[in-house]
C-alpha atoms as a PDB file:
ATOM      1  CA  UNK A   1      18.807  12.257 -10.352  1.00  0.00           C
ATOM      2  CA  UNK A   2      17.686   9.381 -12.591  1.00  0.00           C
ATOM      3  CA  UNK A   3      13.890   9.902 -12.558  1.00  0.00           C
ATOM      4  CA  UNK A   4      12.957   6.488 -13.958  1.00  0.00           C
ATOM      5  CA  UNK A   5      14.661   4.474 -11.208  1.00  0.00           C
ATOM      6  CA  UNK A   6      13.420   6.881  -8.513  1.00  0.00           C
ATOM      7  CA  UNK A   7       9.859   6.669  -9.800  1.00  0.00           C
ATOM      8  CA  UNK A   8       9.915   2.875  -9.509  1.00  0.00           C
ATOM      9  CA  UNK A   9      10.687   3.191  -5.802  1.00  0.00           C
ATOM     10  CA  UNK A  10       7.791   5.579  -5.072  1.00  0.00           C
ATOM     11  CA  UNK A  11       4.698   4.202  -3.393  1.00  0.00           C
ATOM     12  CA  UNK A  12       1.237   5.722  -3.231  1.00  0.00           C
ATOM     13  CA  UNK A  13       1.365   5.535   0.543  1.00  0.00           C
ATOM     14  CA  UNK A  14       4.521   7.702   0.512  1.00  0.00           C
ATOM     15  CA  UNK A  15       2.661  10.426  -1.370  1.00  0.00           C
ATOM     16  CA  UNK A  16      -0.337  10.037   0.915  1.00  0.00           C
ATOM     17  CA  UNK A  17       1.884  10.567   3.973  1.00  0.00           C
ATOM     18  CA  UNK A  18       3.608  13.592   2.409  1.00  0.00           C
ATOM     19  CA  UNK A  19       0.233  15.127   1.585  1.00  0.00           C
ATOM     20  CA  UNK A  20      -1.030  14.512   5.126  1.00  0.00           C
ATOM     21  CA  UNK A  21       2.048  16.150   6.655  1.00  0.00           C
ATOM     22  CA  UNK A  22       1.745  19.249   4.472  1.00  0.00           C
ATOM     23  CA  UNK A  23      -1.990  19.572   5.100  1.00  0.00           C
ATOM     24  CA  UNK A  24      -1.554  19.082   8.864  1.00  0.00           C
ATOM     25  CA  UNK A  25       1.514  21.306   9.105  1.00  0.00           C
ATOM     26  CA  UNK A  26       3.420  18.927  11.371  1.00  0.00           C
ATOM     27  CA  UNK A  27       4.538  15.302  11.653  1.00  0.00           C
ATOM     28  CA  UNK A  28       2.654  14.742  14.915  1.00  0.00           C
ATOM     29  CA  UNK A  29      -0.666  16.052  13.592  1.00  0.00           C
ATOM     30  CA  UNK A  30      -0.276  13.965  10.446  1.00  0.00           C
ATOM     31  CA  UNK A  31       0.390  10.881  12.588  1.00  0.00           C
ATOM     32  CA  UNK A  32      -2.857  11.511  14.480  1.00  0.00           C
ATOM     33  CA  UNK A  33      -4.796  12.015  11.244  1.00  0.00           C
ATOM     34  CA  UNK A  34      -3.408   8.769   9.774  1.00  0.00           C
ATOM     35  CA  UNK A  35      -3.723   6.836  13.062  1.00  0.00           C
ATOM     36  CA  UNK A  36      -0.026   5.975  13.207  1.00  0.00           C
ATOM     37  CA  UNK A  37       3.092   7.104  15.093  1.00  0.00           C
ATOM     38  CA  UNK A  38       5.212  10.193  14.531  1.00  0.00           C
ATOM     39  CA  UNK A  39       8.308   8.022  14.115  1.00  0.00           C
ATOM     40  CA  UNK A  40       6.593   6.071  11.323  1.00  0.00           C
ATOM     41  CA  UNK A  41       5.708   9.332   9.580  1.00  0.00           C
ATOM     42  CA  UNK A  42       9.267  10.655   9.928  1.00  0.00           C
ATOM     43  CA  UNK A  43      10.707   7.401   8.595  1.00  0.00           C
ATOM     44  CA  UNK A  44       8.404   7.443   5.551  1.00  0.00           C
ATOM     45  CA  UNK A  45       9.334  11.043   4.713  1.00  0.00           C
ATOM     46  CA  UNK A  46      13.060  10.311   5.163  1.00  0.00           C
ATOM     47  CA  UNK A  47      12.838   7.216   2.920  1.00  0.00           C
ATOM     48  CA  UNK A  48      10.931   9.215   0.313  1.00  0.00           C
ATOM     49  CA  UNK A  49      13.518  11.997   0.287  1.00  0.00           C
ATOM     50  CA  UNK A  50      16.334   9.438   0.030  1.00  0.00           C
ATOM     51  CA  UNK A  51      14.590   7.680  -2.871  1.00  0.00           C
ATOM     52  CA  UNK A  52      14.144  10.905  -4.833  1.00  0.00           C
ATOM     53  CA  UNK A  53      17.412  12.494  -3.760  1.00  0.00           C
ATOM     54  CA  UNK A  54      16.042  15.918  -2.769  1.00  0.00           C
ATOM     55  CA  UNK A  55      14.627  17.556   0.347  1.00  0.00           C
ATOM     56  CA  UNK A  56      10.830  17.726   0.199  1.00  0.00           C
ATOM     57  CA  UNK A  57      10.076  19.483   3.490  1.00  0.00           C
ATOM     58  CA  UNK A  58      11.576  22.402   5.394  1.00  0.00           C
ATOM     59  CA  UNK A  59      11.404  21.769   9.145  1.00  0.00           C
ATOM     60  CA  UNK A  60      11.220  24.533  11.740  1.00  0.00           C
ATOM     61  CA  UNK A  61       9.924  25.114  15.255  1.00  0.00           C
ATOM     62  CA  UNK A  62       6.682  26.346  13.710  1.00  0.00           C
ATOM     63  CA  UNK A  63       6.131  23.125  11.749  1.00  0.00           C
ATOM     64  CA  UNK A  64       6.847  21.981   8.216  1.00  0.00           C
ATOM     65  CA  UNK A  65       6.490  23.559   4.797  1.00  0.00           C
ATOM     66  CA  UNK A  66       6.988  21.910   1.407  1.00  0.00           C
ATOM     67  CA  UNK A  67      10.040  22.891  -0.583  1.00  0.00           C
ATOM     68  CA  UNK A  68       9.693  23.732  -4.268  1.00  0.00           C
ATOM     69  CA  UNK A  69      10.473  20.050  -4.984  1.00  0.00           C
ATOM     70  CA  UNK A  70       7.864  18.989  -2.454  1.00  0.00           C
ATOM     71  CA  UNK A  71       5.241  21.225  -4.059  1.00  0.00           C
ATOM     72  CA  UNK A  72       6.062  19.826  -7.498  1.00  0.00           C
ATOM     73  CA  UNK A  73       5.666  16.244  -6.287  1.00  0.00           C
ATOM     74  CA  UNK A  74       2.454  17.028  -4.409  1.00  0.00           C
ATOM     75  CA  UNK A  75       0.964  18.755  -7.440  1.00  0.00           C
ATOM     76  CA  UNK A  76       1.305  15.559  -9.468  1.00  0.00           C
ATOM     77  CA  UNK A  77       0.488  13.349  -6.497  1.00  0.00           C
ATOM     78  CA  UNK A  78      -2.866  15.017  -5.976  1.00  0.00           C
ATOM     79  CA  UNK A  79      -3.670  14.369  -9.632  1.00  0.00           C
ATOM     80  CA  UNK A  80      -2.777  10.680  -9.214  1.00  0.00           C
ATOM     81  CA  UNK A  81      -5.066  10.294  -6.203  1.00  0.00           C
ATOM     82  CA  UNK A  82      -7.802  12.204  -7.973  1.00  0.00           C
ATOM     83  CA  UNK A  83      -7.592   9.980 -11.049  1.00  0.00           C
ATOM     84  CA  UNK A  84      -7.721   6.864  -8.872  1.00  0.00           C
ATOM     85  CA  UNK A  85     -10.784   8.219  -7.106  1.00  0.00           C
ATOM     86  CA  UNK A  86     -12.360   9.006 -10.471  1.00  0.00           C
ATOM     87  CA  UNK A  87     -11.637   5.451 -11.594  1.00  0.00           C
ATOM     88  CA  UNK A  88     -13.317   3.988  -8.509  1.00  0.00           C
ATOM     89  CA  UNK A  89     -16.306   6.290  -8.970  1.00  0.00           C
ATOM     90  CA  UNK A  90     -16.606   5.195 -12.590  1.00  0.00           C
ATOM     91  CA  UNK A  91     -16.509   1.527 -11.575  1.00  0.00           C
ATOM     92  CA  UNK A  92     -19.194   2.179  -8.953  1.00  0.00           C
ATOM     93  CA  UNK A  93     -21.288   4.067 -11.474  1.00  0.00           C
ATOM     94  CA  UNK A  94     -20.983   1.304 -14.061  1.00  0.00           C
ATOM     95  CA  UNK A  95     -22.116  -1.251 -11.501  1.00  0.00           C
ATOM     96  CA  UNK A  96     -24.800   0.954  -9.955  1.00  0.00           C
ATOM     97  CA  UNK A  97     -25.709   4.030 -12.031  1.00  0.00           C
ATOM     98  CA  UNK A  98     -28.445   4.933  -9.542  1.00  0.00           C
ATOM     99  CA  UNK A  99     -25.867   5.902  -6.887  1.00  0.00           C
ATOM    100  CA  UNK A 100     -22.901   8.218  -6.727  1.00  0.00           C
ATOM    101  CA  UNK A 101     -21.664  11.604  -5.540  1.00  0.00           C
ATOM    102  CA  UNK A 102     -20.940  14.729  -7.545  1.00  0.00           C
ATOM    103  CA  UNK A 103     -19.195  17.906  -6.366  1.00  0.00           C
ATOM    104  CA  UNK A 104     -19.752  21.025  -8.409  1.00  0.00           C
ATOM    105  CA  UNK A 105     -19.321  24.767  -8.040  1.00  0.00           C
ATOM    106  CA  UNK A 106     -21.755  27.218  -9.575  1.00  0.00           C
ATOM    107  CA  UNK A 107     -22.565  30.903  -9.628  1.00  0.00           C
ATOM    108  CA  UNK A 108     -25.407  31.943  -7.305  1.00  0.00           C
ATOM    109  CA  UNK A 109     -27.863  32.414 -10.173  1.00  0.00           C
ATOM    110  CA  UNK A 110     -26.959  29.027 -11.659  1.00  0.00           C
ATOM    111  CA  UNK A 111     -27.406  27.346  -8.250  1.00  0.00           C
ATOM    112  CA  UNK A 112     -30.910  28.748  -7.932  1.00  0.00           C
ATOM    113  CA  UNK A 113     -31.833  28.053 -11.542  1.00  0.00           C
ATOM    114  CA  UNK A 114     -30.422  25.442 -13.890  1.00  0.00           C
ATOM    115  CA  UNK A 115     -28.512  23.480 -11.208  1.00  0.00           C
ATOM    116  CA  UNK A 116     -31.624  23.117  -9.054  1.00  0.00           C
ATOM    117  CA  UNK A 117     -33.665  22.109 -12.097  1.00  0.00           C
ATOM    118  CA  UNK A 118     -31.153  19.421 -13.131  1.00  0.00           C
ATOM    119  CA  UNK A 119     -30.796  17.998  -9.613  1.00  0.00           C
ATOM    120  CA  UNK A 120     -34.575  17.845  -9.216  1.00  0.00           C
ATOM    121  CA  UNK A 121     -34.875  15.941 -12.489  1.00  0.00           C
ATOM    122  CA  UNK A 122     -32.005  13.543 -11.776  1.00  0.00           C
ATOM    123  CA  UNK A 123     -33.242  12.677  -8.286  1.00  0.00           C
ATOM    124  CA  UNK A 124     -36.581  11.565  -9.705  1.00  0.00           C
ATOM    125  CA  UNK A 125     -34.712   8.968 -11.750  1.00  0.00           C
ATOM    126  CA  UNK A 126     -31.769   8.296  -9.408  1.00  0.00           C
ATOM    127  CA  UNK A 127     -32.987   8.962  -5.844  1.00  0.00           C
ATOM    128  CA  UNK A 128     -29.786   7.718  -4.199  1.00  0.00           C
ATOM    129  CA  UNK A 129     -27.480  10.210  -5.897  1.00  0.00           C
ATOM    130  CA  UNK A 130     -25.722  12.742  -3.660  1.00  0.00           C
ATOM    131  CA  UNK A 131     -24.808  16.270  -4.765  1.00  0.00           C
ATOM    132  CA  UNK A 132     -22.391  18.708  -3.141  1.00  0.00           C
ATOM    133  CA  UNK A 133     -23.090  22.169  -4.575  1.00  0.00           C
ATOM    134  CA  UNK A 134     -20.829  25.103  -3.663  1.00  0.00           C
ATOM    135  CA  UNK A 135     -22.284  28.529  -4.564  1.00  0.00           C
ATOM    136  CA  UNK A 136     -19.165  30.401  -5.645  1.00  0.00           C
ATOM    137  CA  UNK A 137     -18.171  33.360  -7.770  1.00  0.00           C
ATOM    138  CA  UNK A 138     -15.673  32.753 -10.550  1.00  0.00           C
ATOM    139  CA  UNK A 139     -12.175  33.231  -9.028  1.00  0.00           C
ATOM    140  CA  UNK A 140     -12.862  30.902  -6.038  1.00  0.00           C
ATOM    141  CA  UNK A 141     -14.249  28.319  -8.454  1.00  0.00           C
ATOM    142  CA  UNK A 142     -10.848  28.247 -10.185  1.00  0.00           C
ATOM    143  CA  UNK A 143      -9.082  27.480  -6.902  1.00  0.00           C
ATOM    144  CA  UNK A 144     -11.621  24.818  -5.949  1.00  0.00           C
ATOM    145  CA  UNK A 145     -10.987  23.165  -9.326  1.00  0.00           C
ATOM    146  CA  UNK A 146      -7.220  23.243  -8.873  1.00  0.00           C
ATOM    147  CA  UNK A 147      -7.548  21.685  -5.431  1.00  0.00           C
ATOM    148  CA  UNK A 148      -9.858  19.002  -6.867  1.00  0.00           C
ATOM    149  CA  UNK A 149     -12.613  19.941  -4.411  1.00  0.00           C
ATOM    150  CA  UNK A 150     -15.141  20.269  -7.236  1.00  0.00           C
ATOM    151  CA  UNK A 151     -15.279  18.448 -10.551  1.00  0.00           C
ATOM    152  CA  UNK A 152     -16.445  21.373 -12.673  1.00  0.00           C
ATOM    153  CA  UNK A 153     -17.740  24.898 -12.359  1.00  0.00           C
ATOM    154  CA  UNK A 154     -20.993  26.018 -13.969  1.00  0.00           C
ATOM    155  CA  UNK A 155     -20.682  29.754 -14.573  1.00  0.00           C
ATOM    156  CA  UNK A 156     -21.529  32.691 -16.745  1.00  0.00           C
ATOM    157  CA  UNK A 157     -18.756  33.127 -19.330  1.00  0.00           C
ATOM    158  CA  UNK A 158     -17.892  36.440 -20.918  1.00  0.00           C
ATOM    159  CA  UNK A 159     -14.781  35.896 -22.996  1.00  0.00           C
ATOM    160  CA  UNK A 160     -11.688  33.775 -23.407  1.00  0.00           C
ATOM    161  CA  UNK A 161     -10.334  32.103 -20.286  1.00  0.00           C
ATOM    162  CA  UNK A 162      -6.874  33.355 -19.286  1.00  0.00           C
ATOM    163  CA  UNK A 163      -6.107  30.505 -16.857  1.00  0.00           C
ATOM    164  CA  UNK A 164      -3.591  28.229 -18.604  1.00  0.00           C
ATOM    165  CA  UNK A 165      -4.416  25.103 -16.569  1.00  0.00           C
ATOM    166  CA  UNK A 166      -8.188  25.408 -17.023  1.00  0.00           C
ATOM    167  CA  UNK A 167     -10.548  25.330 -19.980  1.00  0.00           C
ATOM    168  CA  UNK A 168     -14.124  26.393 -20.544  1.00  0.00           C
ATOM    169  CA  UNK A 169     -16.895  25.038 -22.743  1.00  0.00           C
ATOM    170  CA  UNK A 170     -20.034  26.888 -23.816  1.00  0.00           C
ATOM    171  CA  UNK A 171     -23.204  25.020 -22.805  1.00  0.00           C
ATOM    172  CA  UNK A 172     -26.195  27.207 -23.577  1.00  0.00           C
ATOM    173  CA  UNK A 173     -27.479  30.743 -23.887  1.00  0.00           C
ATOM    174  CA  UNK A 174     -29.936  31.830 -21.224  1.00  0.00           C
ATOM    175  CA  UNK A 175     -32.315  34.763 -21.703  1.00  0.00           C
ATOM    176  CA  UNK A 176     -33.150  37.237 -18.977  1.00  0.00           C
ATOM    177  CA  UNK A 177     -36.836  37.614 -18.140  1.00  0.00           C
ATOM    178  CA  UNK A 178     -39.020  39.853 -16.006  1.00  0.00           C
ATOM    179  CA  UNK A 179     -41.112  38.325 -13.224  1.00  0.00           C
ATOM    180  CA  UNK A 180     -43.914  39.693 -11.059  1.00  0.00           C
ATOM    181  CA  UNK A 181     -46.457  38.448  -8.526  1.00  0.00           C
ATOM    182  CA  UNK A 182     -49.363  36.561 -10.106  1.00  0.00           C
ATOM    183  CA  UNK A 183     -51.794  39.163  -8.729  1.00  0.00           C
ATOM    184  CA  UNK A 184     -49.957  42.011 -10.424  1.00  0.00           C
ATOM    185  CA  UNK A 185     -52.097  43.693 -13.095  1.00  0.00           C
ATOM    186  CA  UNK A 186     -49.200  43.085 -15.514  1.00  0.00           C
ATOM    187  CA  UNK A 187     -49.505  39.306 -14.941  1.00  0.00           C
ATOM    188  CA  UNK A 188     -52.984  39.285 -16.492  1.00  0.00           C
ATOM    189  CA  UNK A 189     -51.772  40.804 -19.730  1.00  0.00           C
ATOM    190  CA  UNK A 190     -50.993  38.649 -22.775  1.00  0.00           C
ATOM    191  CA  UNK A 191     -48.563  41.159 -24.232  1.00  0.00           C
ATOM    192  CA  UNK A 192     -46.519  43.964 -22.740  1.00  0.00           C
ATOM    193  CA  UNK A 193     -44.125  46.645 -23.892  1.00  0.00           C
ATOM    194  CA  UNK A 194     -41.162  47.823 -21.830  1.00  0.00           C
ATOM    195  CA  UNK A 195     -42.514  51.370 -22.060  1.00  0.00           C
ATOM    196  CA  UNK A 196     -45.458  50.369 -19.851  1.00  0.00           C
ATOM    197  CA  UNK A 197     -43.196  48.977 -17.126  1.00  0.00           C
ATOM    198  CA  UNK A 198     -40.734  51.860 -17.025  1.00  0.00           C
ATOM    199  CA  UNK A 199     -42.033  53.527 -13.864  1.00  0.00           C
ATOM    200  CA  UNK A 200     -42.410  50.375 -11.738  1.00  0.00           C
ATOM    201  CA  UNK A 201     -40.067  49.459  -8.863  1.00  0.00           C
ATOM    202  CA  UNK A 202     -37.330  47.204 -10.274  1.00  0.00           C
ATOM    203  CA  UNK A 203     -34.663  44.911  -8.873  1.00  0.00           C
ATOM    204  CA  UNK A 204     -31.695  43.452 -10.737  1.00  0.00           C
ATOM    205  CA  UNK A 205     -27.984  42.860 -10.009  1.00  0.00           C
ATOM    206  CA  UNK A 206     -25.226  45.349 -10.811  1.00  0.00           C
ATOM    207  CA  UNK A 207     -23.700  42.658 -13.061  1.00  0.00           C
ATOM    208  CA  UNK A 208     -26.793  42.718 -15.305  1.00  0.00           C
ATOM    209  CA  UNK A 209     -27.227  46.498 -15.374  1.00  0.00           C
ATOM    210  CA  UNK A 210     -25.744  46.769 -18.861  1.00  0.00           C
ATOM    211  CA  UNK A 211     -28.164  44.164 -20.249  1.00  0.00           C
ATOM    212  CA  UNK A 212     -31.218  45.936 -18.818  1.00  0.00           C
ATOM    213  CA  UNK A 213     -30.017  49.388 -19.842  1.00  0.00           C
ATOM    214  CA  UNK A 214     -29.323  48.174 -23.391  1.00  0.00           C
ATOM    215  CA  UNK A 215     -32.766  46.536 -23.542  1.00  0.00           C
ATOM    216  CA  UNK A 216     -34.530  49.827 -22.770  1.00  0.00           C
ATOM    217  CA  UNK A 217     -32.306  51.807 -25.097  1.00  0.00           C
ATOM    218  CA  UNK A 218     -33.003  49.332 -27.887  1.00  0.00           C
ATOM    219  CA  UNK A 219     -36.647  50.444 -27.553  1.00  0.00           C
ATOM    220  CA  UNK A 220     -35.536  54.117 -27.603  1.00  0.00           C
ATOM    221  CA  UNK A 221     -36.414  54.447 -23.917  1.00  0.00           C
ATOM    222  CA  UNK A 222     -34.525  56.115 -21.108  1.00  0.00           C
ATOM    223  CA  UNK A 223     -33.473  53.251 -18.787  1.00  0.00           C
ATOM    224  CA  UNK A 224     -34.917  53.262 -15.265  1.00  0.00           C
ATOM    225  CA  UNK A 225     -32.781  52.748 -12.162  1.00  0.00           C
ATOM    226  CA  UNK A 226     -33.401  49.716 -10.009  1.00  0.00           C
ATOM    227  CA  UNK A 227     -34.623  50.309  -6.465  1.00  0.00           C
ATOM    228  CA  UNK A 228     -32.700  47.275  -5.204  1.00  0.00           C
ATOM    229  CA  UNK A 229     -29.459  46.041  -6.771  1.00  0.00           C
ATOM    230  CA  UNK A 230     -28.487  42.556  -5.572  1.00  0.00           C
ATOM    231  CA  UNK A 231     -26.715  39.480  -6.940  1.00  0.00           C
ATOM    232  CA  UNK A 232     -28.918  37.225  -4.781  1.00  0.00           C
ATOM    233  CA  UNK A 233     -31.537  35.753  -7.116  1.00  0.00           C
ATOM    234  CA  UNK A 234     -33.619  34.502  -4.186  1.00  0.00           C
ATOM    235  CA  UNK A 235     -33.769  38.052  -2.817  1.00  0.00           C
ATOM    236  CA  UNK A 236     -34.980  39.380  -6.159  1.00  0.00           C
ATOM    237  CA  UNK A 237     -37.637  36.682  -6.450  1.00  0.00           C
ATOM    238  CA  UNK A 238     -38.721  37.361  -2.854  1.00  0.00           C
ATOM    239  CA  UNK A 239     -39.074  41.057  -3.646  1.00  0.00           C
ATOM    240  CA  UNK A 240     -41.168  40.206  -6.709  1.00  0.00           C
ATOM    241  CA  UNK A 241     -43.320  37.917  -4.521  1.00  0.00           C
ATOM    242  CA  UNK A 242     -44.273  40.909  -2.352  1.00  0.00           C
ATOM    243  CA  UNK A 243     -46.213  42.267  -5.320  1.00  0.00           C
ATOM    244  CA  UNK A 244     -44.344  45.586  -5.252  1.00  0.00           C
ATOM    245  CA  UNK A 245     -41.386  44.802  -7.508  1.00  0.00           C
ATOM    246  CA  UNK A 246     -40.536  43.655 -10.982  1.00  0.00           C
ATOM    247  CA  UNK A 247     -37.431  41.448 -10.939  1.00  0.00           C
ATOM    248  CA  UNK A 248     -34.963  40.630 -13.714  1.00  0.00           C
ATOM    249  CA  UNK A 249     -33.686  37.036 -13.419  1.00  0.00           C
ATOM    250  CA  UNK A 250     -32.315  34.302 -15.698  1.00  0.00           C
ATOM    251  CA  UNK A 251     -35.082  32.260 -17.292  1.00  0.00           C
ATOM    252  CA  UNK A 252     -34.175  29.065 -15.408  1.00  0.00           C
ATOM    253  CA  UNK A 253     -34.392  30.901 -12.058  1.00  0.00           C
ATOM    254  CA  UNK A 254     -37.807  32.257 -13.035  1.00  0.00           C
ATOM    255  CA  UNK A 255     -39.153  28.838 -13.976  1.00  0.00           C
ATOM    256  CA  UNK A 256     -37.892  27.183 -10.802  1.00  0.00           C
ATOM    257  CA  UNK A 257     -39.138  30.055  -8.624  1.00  0.00           C
ATOM    258  CA  UNK A 258     -42.570  29.939 -10.249  1.00  0.00           C
ATOM    259  CA  UNK A 259     -42.929  26.350  -9.011  1.00  0.00           C
ATOM    260  CA  UNK A 260     -42.587  27.398  -5.365  1.00  0.00           C
ATOM    261  CA  UNK A 261     -43.834  30.991  -5.230  1.00  0.00           C
ATOM    262  CA  UNK A 262     -46.737  32.994  -6.617  1.00  0.00           C
ATOM    263  CA  UNK A 263     -44.707  34.401  -9.498  1.00  0.00           C
ATOM    264  CA  UNK A 264     -45.202  34.708 -13.228  1.00  0.00           C
ATOM    265  CA  UNK A 265     -42.911  35.470 -16.147  1.00  0.00           C
ATOM    266  CA  UNK A 266     -44.268  38.579 -17.834  1.00  0.00           C
ATOM    267  CA  UNK A 267     -44.877  38.575 -21.612  1.00  0.00           C
ATOM    268  CA  UNK A 268     -42.260  41.216 -22.333  1.00  0.00           C
ATOM    269  CA  UNK A 269     -38.973  40.845 -24.182  1.00  0.00           C
ATOM    270  CA  UNK A 270     -35.618  42.207 -23.069  1.00  0.00           C
ATOM    271  CA  UNK A 271     -33.888  42.604 -26.465  1.00  0.00           C
ATOM    272  CA  UNK A 272     -30.390  41.113 -26.654  1.00  0.00           C
ATOM    273  CA  UNK A 273     -30.428  40.269 -22.927  1.00  0.00           C
ATOM    274  CA  UNK A 274     -28.878  36.797 -22.917  1.00  0.00           C
ATOM    275  CA  UNK A 275     -26.232  35.226 -20.700  1.00  0.00           C
ATOM    276  CA  UNK A 276     -23.598  32.790 -21.967  1.00  0.00           C
ATOM    277  CA  UNK A 277     -23.475  29.818 -19.586  1.00  0.00           C
ATOM    278  CA  UNK A 278     -20.670  27.254 -19.664  1.00  0.00           C
ATOM    279  CA  UNK A 279     -18.514  24.928 -17.623  1.00  0.00           C
ATOM    280  CA  UNK A 280     -14.932  25.365 -16.449  1.00  0.00           C
ATOM    281  CA  UNK A 281     -12.791  22.262 -15.911  1.00  0.00           C
ATOM    282  CA  UNK A 282      -9.191  21.307 -15.286  1.00  0.00           C
ATOM    283  CA  UNK A 283      -7.355  20.610 -18.555  1.00  0.00           C
ATOM    284  CA  UNK A 284      -6.738  16.946 -19.392  1.00  0.00           C
ATOM    285  CA  UNK A 285      -9.005  15.782 -16.572  1.00  0.00           C
ATOM    286  CA  UNK A 286     -11.674  13.281 -17.588  1.00  0.00           C
ATOM    287  CA  UNK A 287     -15.126  14.024 -16.202  1.00  0.00           C
ATOM    288  CA  UNK A 288     -16.802  11.264 -14.229  1.00  0.00           C
ATOM    289  CA  UNK A 289     -19.847   9.460 -15.675  1.00  0.00           C
ATOM    290  CA  UNK A 290     -22.086  11.254 -13.172  1.00  0.00           C
ATOM    291  CA  UNK A 291     -20.683  14.642 -14.229  1.00  0.00           C
ATOM    292  CA  UNK A 292     -21.311  13.790 -17.882  1.00  0.00           C
ATOM    293  CA  UNK A 293     -24.846  12.677 -17.008  1.00  0.00           C
ATOM    294  CA  UNK A 294     -25.436  15.967 -15.165  1.00  0.00           C
ATOM    295  CA  UNK A 295     -24.223  18.016 -18.141  1.00  0.00           C
ATOM    296  CA  UNK A 296     -26.335  15.986 -20.594  1.00  0.00           C
ATOM    297  CA  UNK A 297     -29.424  16.820 -18.528  1.00  0.00           C
ATOM    298  CA  UNK A 298     -28.327  20.459 -18.317  1.00  0.00           C
ATOM    299  CA  UNK A 299     -28.221  20.698 -22.103  1.00  0.00           C
ATOM    300  CA  UNK A 300     -31.629  18.993 -22.461  1.00  0.00           C
ATOM    301  CA  UNK A 301     -33.314  21.284 -19.937  1.00  0.00           C
ATOM    302  CA  UNK A 302     -31.760  24.368 -21.508  1.00  0.00           C
ATOM    303  CA  UNK A 303     -32.890  23.228 -24.951  1.00  0.00           C
ATOM    304  CA  UNK A 304     -36.434  22.540 -23.730  1.00  0.00           C
ATOM    305  CA  UNK A 305     -36.651  25.990 -22.157  1.00  0.00           C
ATOM    306  CA  UNK A 306     -35.847  27.611 -25.493  1.00  0.00           C
ATOM    307  CA  UNK A 307     -38.840  25.976 -27.165  1.00  0.00           C
END
């Protein structure tokens, strides 16, 4: 097949129809979704297959499935549509930087901490911005990126990324802190040692157990066991707000939570307890102006919290 001549005969609408058929699973459902007729859909697919010279869909009584050639074309086609959408968003942003939409994925702790802090700050300056935030753990974030459903993922990073089509960038280092209710006797202290807090009721996630254990051992202390282990930062802050728990949370979660609940960061250090926070993106995909603005604010807030 001569790819150059075939490529000249391809139209964006052809790819759009192919994508609709694959997503719908049938010609008739795609016709309904595109507000056209099934015969028009069939004709477009037939013309597209003739232009390229290969079969793109396997038809059966159960519906249609893309062939390996169809999947290859769709993979690139989705990128084309995504880049066009990015171009339109950039034009809109250049003409009206106060408006726009951003879709991101983030770990639960990041959603309740740095992401909330950045959105709150941006909306003060750009009240017409719209954010779509998906709280996701890392593997689903990769799939959302590949499907172009989110523009970037904001996650905790813990080593080199093995995904060949994705890349990660370190953004900032976030310390872990201990929070308690403002009426706790510990909250009135100006300085604390971990030894004094050893016998309290604690809550932290399994994922951070190593950090907490290492922090106590660094002070030559036998580590306590948490009473409640949970990844949900809002659950940990709620337990701390009861006045009966000490909670270990990322610093940004603690600062945001302190704005809305009667909580205080205790003056105690967890030695070497820091999380590496970064973004994951699709390789060779240019971030939108709004995404770059969001990340600029993320870096500024993280930097301010360190001082």
